[in-house]
PDB file of all heavy atoms in Angstrom:
ATOM      1  N   GLY A   1     -21.677 -15.660 -38.595  1.00  0.00           N
ATOM      2  CA  GLY A   1     -20.797 -16.854 -38.562  1.00  0.00           C
ATOM      3  C   GLY A   1     -19.939 -17.083 -39.774  1.00  0.00           C
ATOM      4  O   GLY A   1     -18.711 -17.231 -39.609  1.00  0.00           O
ATOM      5  N   PRO A   2     -20.476 -17.149 -40.952  1.00  0.00           N
ATOM      6  CA  PRO A   2     -19.618 -17.375 -42.153  1.00  0.00           C
ATOM      7  C   PRO A   2     -18.558 -16.330 -42.365  1.00  0.00           C
ATOM      8  O   PRO A   2     -17.443 -16.664 -42.834  1.00  0.00           O
ATOM      9  CB  PRO A   2     -20.635 -17.411 -43.284  1.00  0.00           C
ATOM     10  CG  PRO A   2     -21.913 -17.796 -42.648  1.00  0.00           C
ATOM     11  CD  PRO A   2     -21.909 -17.118 -41.282  1.00  0.00           C
ATOM     12  N   PHE A   3     -18.870 -15.063 -42.078  1.00  0.00           N
ATOM     13  CA  PHE A   3     -17.904 -14.000 -42.229  1.00  0.00           C
ATOM     14  C   PHE A   3     -16.693 -14.225 -41.287  1.00  0.00           C
ATOM     15  O   PHE A   3     -15.490 -14.191 -41.678  1.00  0.00           O
ATOM     16  CB  PHE A   3     -18.535 -12.615 -41.854  1.00  0.00           C
ATOM     17  CG  PHE A   3     -17.595 -11.471 -41.873  1.00  0.00           C
ATOM     18  CD1 PHE A   3     -17.455 -10.651 -42.996  1.00  0.00           C
ATOM     19  CD2 PHE A   3     -16.781 -11.154 -40.819  1.00  0.00           C
ATOM     20  CE1 PHE A   3     -16.618  -9.608 -43.044  1.00  0.00           C
ATOM     21  CE2 PHE A   3     -15.935 -10.083 -40.798  1.00  0.00           C
ATOM     22  CZ  PHE A   3     -15.854  -9.277 -41.905  1.00  0.00           C
ATOM     23  N   ARG A   4     -16.958 -14.580 -40.026  1.00  0.00           N
ATOM     24  CA  ARG A   4     -15.904 -14.842 -39.075  1.00  0.00           C
ATOM     25  C   ARG A   4     -15.091 -16.087 -39.478  1.00  0.00           C
ATOM     26  O   ARG A   4     -13.855 -16.111 -39.250  1.00  0.00           O
ATOM     27  CB  ARG A   4     -16.483 -14.985 -37.650  1.00  0.00           C
ATOM     28  CG  ARG A   4     -17.137 -13.677 -37.135  1.00  0.00           C
ATOM     29  CD  ARG A   4     -17.840 -13.852 -35.879  1.00  0.00           C
ATOM     30  NE  ARG A   4     -18.431 -12.578 -35.353  1.00  0.00           N
ATOM     31  CZ  ARG A   4     -19.264 -12.478 -34.395  1.00  0.00           C
ATOM     32  NH1 ARG A   4     -19.622 -13.640 -33.673  1.00  0.00           N
ATOM     33  NH2 ARG A   4     -19.707 -11.316 -34.013  1.00  0.00           N
ATOM     34  N   ASP A   5     -15.744 -17.024 -40.062  1.00  0.00           N
ATOM     35  CA  ASP A   5     -15.077 -18.209 -40.549  1.00  0.00           C
ATOM     36  C   ASP A   5     -14.114 -17.824 -41.773  1.00  0.00           C
ATOM     37  O   ASP A   5     -12.977 -18.287 -41.831  1.00  0.00           O
ATOM     38  CB  ASP A   5     -16.040 -19.275 -41.105  1.00  0.00           C
ATOM     39  CG  ASP A   5     -15.397 -20.515 -41.656  1.00  0.00           C
ATOM     40  OD1 ASP A   5     -14.600 -21.113 -40.966  1.00  0.00           O
ATOM     41  OD2 ASP A   5     -15.657 -20.760 -42.848  1.00  0.00           O
ATOM     42  N   ALA A   6     -14.532 -16.887 -42.587  1.00  0.00           N
ATOM     43  CA  ALA A   6     -13.757 -16.498 -43.725  1.00  0.00           C
ATOM     44  C   ALA A   6     -12.496 -15.723 -43.323  1.00  0.00           C
ATOM     45  O   ALA A   6     -11.422 -15.888 -43.975  1.00  0.00           O
ATOM     46  CB  ALA A   6     -14.575 -15.593 -44.638  1.00  0.00           C
ATOM     47  N   LEU A   7     -12.526 -15.010 -42.232  1.00  0.00           N
ATOM     48  CA  LEU A   7     -11.397 -14.293 -41.740  1.00  0.00           C
ATOM     49  C   LEU A   7     -10.680 -14.898 -40.559  1.00  0.00           C
ATOM     50  O   LEU A   7      -9.573 -14.418 -40.180  1.00  0.00           O
ATOM     51  CB  LEU A   7     -11.820 -12.826 -41.403  1.00  0.00           C
ATOM     52  CG  LEU A   7     -12.254 -11.931 -42.535  1.00  0.00           C
ATOM     53  CD1 LEU A   7     -12.563 -10.484 -41.975  1.00  0.00           C
ATOM     54  CD2 LEU A   7     -11.287 -11.881 -43.627  1.00  0.00           C
ATOM     55  N   GLY A   8     -11.239 -15.858 -39.951  1.00  0.00           N
ATOM     56  CA  GLY A   8     -10.707 -16.448 -38.706  1.00  0.00           C
ATOM     57  C   GLY A   8     -10.708 -15.392 -37.607  1.00  0.00           C
ATOM     58  O   GLY A   8      -9.769 -15.245 -36.817  1.00  0.00           O
ATOM     59  N   SER A   9     -11.815 -14.638 -37.524  1.00  0.00           N
ATOM     60  CA  SER A   9     -11.885 -13.510 -36.585  1.00  0.00           C
ATOM     61  C   SER A   9     -12.924 -13.688 -35.471  1.00  0.00           C
ATOM     62  O   SER A   9     -13.280 -12.681 -34.852  1.00  0.00           O
ATOM     63  CB  SER A   9     -12.204 -12.228 -37.392  1.00  0.00           C
ATOM     64  OG  SER A   9     -13.514 -12.309 -38.032  1.00  0.00           O
ATOM     65  N   ALA A  10     -13.308 -14.863 -35.259  1.00  0.00           N
ATOM     66  CA  ALA A  10     -14.278 -15.117 -34.171  1.00  0.00           C
ATOM     67  C   ALA A  10     -13.624 -14.883 -32.830  1.00  0.00           C
ATOM     68  O   ALA A  10     -12.471 -15.140 -32.633  1.00  0.00           O
ATOM     69  CB  ALA A  10     -14.859 -16.538 -34.204  1.00  0.00           C
ATOM     70  N   PRO A  11     -14.459 -14.372 -31.824  1.00  0.00           N
ATOM     71  CA  PRO A  11     -13.835 -14.211 -30.467  1.00  0.00           C
ATOM     72  C   PRO A  11     -13.346 -15.540 -29.921  1.00  0.00           C
ATOM     73  O   PRO A  11     -13.910 -16.562 -30.015  1.00  0.00           O
ATOM     74  CB  PRO A  11     -15.070 -13.752 -29.632  1.00  0.00           C
ATOM     75  CG  PRO A  11     -16.030 -13.228 -30.630  1.00  0.00           C
ATOM     76  CD  PRO A  11     -15.821 -14.003 -31.855  1.00  0.00           C
ATOM     77  N   LYS A  12     -12.151 -15.455 -29.350  1.00  0.00           N
ATOM     78  CA  LYS A  12     -11.532 -16.662 -28.718  1.00  0.00           C
ATOM     79  C   LYS A  12     -12.304 -17.077 -27.492  1.00  0.00           C
ATOM     80  O   LYS A  12     -12.463 -18.241 -27.236  1.00  0.00           O
ATOM     81  CB  LYS A  12     -10.069 -16.414 -28.338  1.00  0.00           C
ATOM     82  CG  LYS A  12      -9.204 -16.072 -29.569  1.00  0.00           C
ATOM     83  CD  LYS A  12      -9.156 -17.168 -30.548  1.00  0.00           C
ATOM     84  CE  LYS A  12      -8.163 -16.893 -31.708  1.00  0.00           C
ATOM     85  NZ  LYS A  12      -8.602 -15.791 -32.577  1.00  0.00           N
ATOM     86  N   GLU A  13     -12.850 -16.104 -26.784  1.00  0.00           N
ATOM     87  CA  GLU A  13     -13.775 -16.348 -25.644  1.00  0.00           C
ATOM     88  C   GLU A  13     -14.779 -15.268 -25.568  1.00  0.00           C
ATOM     89  O   GLU A  13     -14.558 -14.191 -26.057  1.00  0.00           O
ATOM     90  CB  GLU A  13     -12.920 -16.372 -24.342  1.00  0.00           C
ATOM     91  CG  GLU A  13     -12.042 -17.586 -24.168  1.00  0.00           C
ATOM     92  CD  GLU A  13     -11.446 -17.579 -22.769  1.00  0.00           C
ATOM     93  OE1 GLU A  13     -12.170 -17.939 -21.794  1.00  0.00           O
ATOM     94  OE2 GLU A  13     -10.207 -17.276 -22.610  1.00  0.00           O
ATOM     95  N   GLY A  14     -15.900 -15.602 -24.988  1.00  0.00           N
ATOM     96  CA  GLY A  14     -16.880 -14.553 -24.743  1.00  0.00           C
ATOM     97  C   GLY A  14     -17.670 -14.261 -26.083  1.00  0.00           C
ATOM     98  O   GLY A  14     -17.613 -14.962 -27.031  1.00  0.00           O
ATOM     99  N   ASP A  15     -18.453 -13.156 -26.030  1.00  0.00           N
ATOM    100  CA  ASP A  15     -19.202 -12.729 -27.175  1.00  0.00           C
ATOM    101  C   ASP A  15     -19.114 -11.141 -27.286  1.00  0.00           C
ATOM    102  O   ASP A  15     -18.262 -10.567 -26.564  1.00  0.00           O
ATOM    103  CB  ASP A  15     -20.699 -13.102 -27.055  1.00  0.00           C
ATOM    104  CG  ASP A  15     -21.322 -12.708 -25.755  1.00  0.00           C
ATOM    105  OD1 ASP A  15     -21.069 -11.506 -25.383  1.00  0.00           O
ATOM    106  OD2 ASP A  15     -22.046 -13.478 -25.165  1.00  0.00           O
ATOM    107  N   LYS A  16     -19.839 -10.582 -28.170  1.00  0.00           N
ATOM    108  CA  LYS A  16     -19.748  -9.162 -28.431  1.00  0.00           C
ATOM    109  C   LYS A  16     -20.914  -8.356 -27.977  1.00  0.00           C
ATOM    110  O   LYS A  16     -21.142  -7.189 -28.426  1.00  0.00           O
ATOM    111  CB  LYS A  16     -19.442  -8.939 -29.908  1.00  0.00           C
ATOM    112  CG  LYS A  16     -18.266  -9.635 -30.412  1.00  0.00           C
ATOM    113  CD  LYS A  16     -17.857  -9.227 -31.842  1.00  0.00           C
ATOM    114  CE  LYS A  16     -16.545  -9.908 -32.299  1.00  0.00           C
ATOM    115  NZ  LYS A  16     -16.094  -9.420 -33.623  1.00  0.00           N
ATOM    116  N   LYS A  17     -21.690  -8.886 -27.045  1.00  0.00           N
ATOM    117  CA  LYS A  17     -22.934  -8.283 -26.631  1.00  0.00           C
ATOM    118  C   LYS A  17     -22.738  -7.039 -25.797  1.00  0.00           C
ATOM    119  O   LYS A  17     -23.727  -6.315 -25.562  1.00  0.00           O
ATOM    120  CB  LYS A  17     -23.814  -9.290 -25.900  1.00  0.00           C
ATOM    121  CG  LYS A  17     -24.301 -10.396 -26.870  1.00  0.00           C
ATOM    122  CD  LYS A  17     -25.188 -11.396 -26.184  1.00  0.00           C
ATOM    123  CE  LYS A  17     -25.617 -12.507 -27.155  1.00  0.00           C
ATOM    124  NZ  LYS A  17     -26.537 -13.543 -26.475  1.00  0.00           N
ATOM    125  N   THR A  18     -21.563  -6.814 -25.257  1.00  0.00           N
ATOM    126  CA  THR A  18     -21.392  -5.574 -24.428  1.00  0.00           C
ATOM    127  C   THR A  18     -21.063  -4.352 -25.307  1.00  0.00           C
ATOM    128  O   THR A  18     -21.041  -3.232 -24.797  1.00  0.00           O
ATOM    129  CB  THR A  18     -20.210  -5.762 -23.413  1.00  0.00           C
ATOM    130  OG1 THR A  18     -19.016  -5.937 -24.119  1.00  0.00           O
ATOM    131  CG2 THR A  18     -20.468  -6.921 -22.465  1.00  0.00           C
ATOM    132  N   TYR A  19     -20.863  -4.540 -26.619  1.00  0.00           N
ATOM    133  CA  TYR A  19     -20.647  -3.425 -27.470  1.00  0.00           C
ATOM    134  C   TYR A  19     -21.528  -3.433 -28.680  1.00  0.00           C
ATOM    135  O   TYR A  19     -21.973  -2.327 -29.151  1.00  0.00           O
ATOM    136  CB  TYR A  19     -19.186  -3.228 -27.828  1.00  0.00           C
ATOM    137  CG  TYR A  19     -18.408  -4.452 -28.259  1.00  0.00           C
ATOM    138  CD1 TYR A  19     -18.172  -4.682 -29.616  1.00  0.00           C
ATOM    139  CD2 TYR A  19     -17.807  -5.240 -27.328  1.00  0.00           C
ATOM    140  CE1 TYR A  19     -17.402  -5.750 -30.026  1.00  0.00           C
ATOM    141  CE2 TYR A  19     -17.035  -6.347 -27.743  1.00  0.00           C
ATOM    142  CZ  TYR A  19     -16.851  -6.596 -29.091  1.00  0.00           C
ATOM    143  OH  TYR A  19     -16.101  -7.671 -29.476  1.00  0.00           O
ATOM    144  N   GLN A  20     -21.806  -4.543 -29.333  1.00  0.00           N
ATOM    145  CA  GLN A  20     -22.834  -4.603 -30.427  1.00  0.00           C
ATOM    146  C   GLN A  20     -24.244  -4.548 -29.839  1.00  0.00           C
ATOM    147  O   GLN A  20     -24.470  -4.920 -28.681  1.00  0.00           O
ATOM    148  CB  GLN A  20     -22.623  -5.808 -31.227  1.00  0.00           C
ATOM    149  CG  GLN A  20     -21.315  -5.827 -31.988  1.00  0.00           C
ATOM    150  CD  GLN A  20     -21.119  -7.085 -32.814  1.00  0.00           C
ATOM    151  OE1 GLN A  20     -21.856  -8.006 -32.779  1.00  0.00           O
ATOM    152  NE2 GLN A  20     -19.940  -7.047 -33.578  1.00  0.00           N
ATOM    153  N   MET A  21     -25.186  -4.050 -30.602  1.00  0.00           N
ATOM    154  CA  MET A  21     -26.538  -3.757 -30.117  1.00  0.00           C
ATOM    155  C   MET A  21     -27.381  -4.978 -29.829  1.00  0.00           C
ATOM    156  O   MET A  21     -27.218  -6.000 -30.476  1.00  0.00           O
ATOM    157  CB  MET A  21     -27.298  -2.799 -31.039  1.00  0.00           C
ATOM    158  CG  MET A  21     -26.823  -1.438 -31.003  1.00  0.00           C
ATOM    159  SD  MET A  21     -27.685  -0.403 -32.228  1.00  0.00           S
ATOM    160  CE  MET A  21     -29.414  -0.683 -31.669  1.00  0.00           C
ATOM    161  N   ASP A  22     -28.303  -4.881 -28.928  1.00  0.00           N
ATOM    162  CA  ASP A  22     -29.272  -5.868 -28.551  1.00  0.00           C
ATOM    163  C   ASP A  22     -30.274  -5.903 -29.660  1.00  0.00           C
ATOM    164  O   ASP A  22     -31.022  -4.885 -29.893  1.00  0.00           O
ATOM    165  CB  ASP A  22     -29.893  -5.561 -27.213  1.00  0.00           C
ATOM    166  CG  ASP A  22     -30.796  -6.666 -26.654  1.00  0.00           C
ATOM    167  OD1 ASP A  22     -31.361  -7.395 -27.535  1.00  0.00           O
ATOM    168  OD2 ASP A  22     -30.854  -6.774 -25.459  1.00  0.00           O
ATOM    169  N   TYR A  23     -30.513  -7.096 -30.301  1.00  0.00           N
ATOM    170  CA  TYR A  23     -31.511  -7.133 -31.394  1.00  0.00           C
ATOM    171  C   TYR A  23     -32.968  -6.893 -31.038  1.00  0.00           C
ATOM    172  O   TYR A  23     -33.813  -6.685 -31.899  1.00  0.00           O
ATOM    173  CB  TYR A  23     -31.404  -8.421 -32.137  1.00  0.00           C
ATOM    174  CG  TYR A  23     -31.699  -9.695 -31.400  1.00  0.00           C
ATOM    175  CD1 TYR A  23     -32.980 -10.066 -31.107  1.00  0.00           C
ATOM    176  CD2 TYR A  23     -30.672 -10.591 -31.037  1.00  0.00           C
ATOM    177  CE1 TYR A  23     -33.313 -11.225 -30.406  1.00  0.00           C
ATOM    178  CE2 TYR A  23     -30.944 -11.773 -30.390  1.00  0.00           C
ATOM    179  CZ  TYR A  23     -32.268 -12.081 -30.085  1.00  0.00           C
ATOM    180  OH  TYR A  23     -32.589 -13.265 -29.398  1.00  0.00           O
ATOM    181  N   ARG A  24     -33.203  -6.786 -29.706  1.00  0.00           N
ATOM    182  CA  ARG A  24     -34.557  -6.475 -29.275  1.00  0.00           C
ATOM    183  C   ARG A  24     -34.873  -4.974 -29.393  1.00  0.00           C
ATOM    184  O   ARG A  24     -36.003  -4.535 -29.213  1.00  0.00           O
ATOM    185  CB  ARG A  24     -34.785  -6.950 -27.860  1.00  0.00           C
ATOM    186  CG  ARG A  24     -34.710  -8.487 -27.692  1.00  0.00           C
ATOM    187  CD  ARG A  24     -34.732  -8.930 -26.220  1.00  0.00           C
ATOM    188  NE  ARG A  24     -33.496  -8.502 -25.531  1.00  0.00           N
ATOM    189  CZ  ARG A  24     -33.186  -8.837 -24.261  1.00  0.00           C
ATOM    190  NH1 ARG A  24     -34.016  -9.558 -23.632  1.00  0.00           N
ATOM    191  NH2 ARG A  24     -32.093  -8.429 -23.722  1.00  0.00           N
TER     192      ARG A  24
END
């Protein structure tokens, strides 16, 4: 979260779970 705040790079909609790995 803080990184995305620093760059203003958070997804406008949705999330990144279809390409970043599942933490399980």
